[in-house]
Amino acid sequence: MHFVRNSMDHGIEETKEERIAAGKDSQGELILSASHTSSEVIITVQDDGYGMDPEKLLDKAEEKEFFTSLVPNTAKSFGL
């Protein structure tokens, strides 16, 4: 449920005017899908919002010490 809420709170533009200015339909779209393999259930949450800011995500992860000292440099070198 957190991923759905996060998608709505942080993925979809705040106003319909922002969406229209970006060339999108005024109403956002959220797609929740599930599939399975022999041993896993894979749940995907997808939205048509403006996306994530990779630099902001990495900065937050570093702030919360989610990475070892090598991972952030590696991620940034790959353009993430």
Protein backbone atom coordinates (compact mmCIF):
# COMPACT_ATOMS: atom_id res chain seq x y z
CA MET A 1 0.00 0.00 0.00
CA HIS A 2 2.90 2.36 0.72
CA PHE A 3 4.08 2.20 -2.90
CA VAL A 4 0.63 3.18 -4.18
CA ARG A 5 0.43 6.09 -1.75
CA ASN A 6 3.97 7.16 -2.59
CA SER A 7 3.18 7.12 -6.30
CA MET A 8 0.18 9.39 -5.73
CA ASP A 9 1.99 11.71 -3.30
CA HIS A 10 5.29 12.04 -5.14
CA GLY A 11 4.82 10.76 -8.69
CA ILE A 12 1.72 12.46 -10.04
CA GLU A 13 1.88 16.21 -10.61
CA GLU A 14 0.23 18.41 -7.98
CA THR A 15 -2.28 20.12 -10.25
CA LYS A 16 -4.10 19.39 -13.49
CA GLU A 17 -2.58 22.58 -14.93
CA GLU A 18 0.94 21.12 -14.42
CA ARG A 19 -0.11 17.95 -16.22
CA ILE A 20 -1.68 19.84 -19.12
CA ALA A 21 1.42 22.05 -19.43
CA ALA A 22 3.49 18.85 -19.66
CA GLY A 23 1.29 17.63 -22.53
CA LYS A 24 -0.52 15.03 -20.43
CA ASP A 25 -4.16 14.29 -19.73
CA SER A 26 -5.44 16.35 -16.79
CA GLN A 27 -6.14 13.16 -14.81
CA GLY A 28 -3.17 11.09 -13.64
CA GLU A 29 -2.94 7.37 -14.24
CA LEU A 30 -1.78 4.78 -11.71
CA ILE A 31 -1.34 1.15 -12.77
CA LEU A 32 -1.01 -1.63 -10.21
CA SER A 33 -0.14 -5.05 -11.61
CA ALA A 34 1.01 -8.39 -10.25
CA SER A 35 2.61 -11.44 -11.79
CA HIS A 36 4.29 -14.53 -10.47
CA THR A 37 7.12 -16.89 -11.09
CA SER A 38 7.42 -20.32 -9.55
CA SER A 39 8.68 -18.82 -6.29
CA GLU A 40 7.91 -15.09 -6.32
CA VAL A 41 5.06 -12.64 -6.64
CA ILE A 42 6.09 -9.48 -8.47
CA ILE A 43 4.03 -6.36 -7.79
CA THR A 44 4.53 -3.31 -10.00
CA VAL A 45 3.23 0.19 -9.31
CA GLN A 46 3.49 2.55 -12.28
CA ASP A 47 2.30 6.12 -12.76
CA ASP A 48 2.44 8.65 -15.58
CA GLY A 49 3.75 11.43 -13.39
CA TYR A 50 6.91 13.47 -13.69
CA GLY A 51 9.16 10.74 -12.32
CA MET A 52 11.77 10.61 -9.63
CA ASP A 53 14.81 12.80 -9.16
CA PRO A 54 17.67 10.26 -8.91
CA GLU A 55 20.04 12.78 -7.31
CA LYS A 56 17.50 13.62 -4.62
CA LEU A 57 16.91 9.91 -3.93
CA LEU A 58 20.63 9.20 -3.61
CA ASP A 59 21.14 12.20 -1.34
CA LYS A 60 18.32 11.02 0.94
CA ALA A 61 19.69 7.46 0.98
CA GLU A 62 23.15 8.78 1.93
CA GLU A 63 21.61 10.98 4.63
CA LYS A 64 19.88 7.93 6.13
CA GLU A 65 23.08 5.85 5.74
CA PHE A 66 21.43 3.24 3.51
CA PHE A 67 24.62 2.78 1.46
CA THR A 68 28.14 1.69 2.15
CA SER A 69 30.76 4.24 1.18
CA LEU A 70 31.25 2.68 -2.28
CA VAL A 71 27.66 2.40 -3.49
CA PRO A 72 26.71 6.11 -3.89
CA ASN A 73 29.83 6.83 -5.96
CA THR A 74 29.12 3.82 -8.15
CA ALA A 75 25.47 4.79 -8.61
CA LYS A 76 26.37 8.38 -9.50
CA SER A 77 28.98 7.24 -11.99
CA PHE A 78 26.26 5.30 -13.83
CA GLY A 79 24.09 8.42 -13.98
CA LEU A 80 21.58 7.26 -11.35
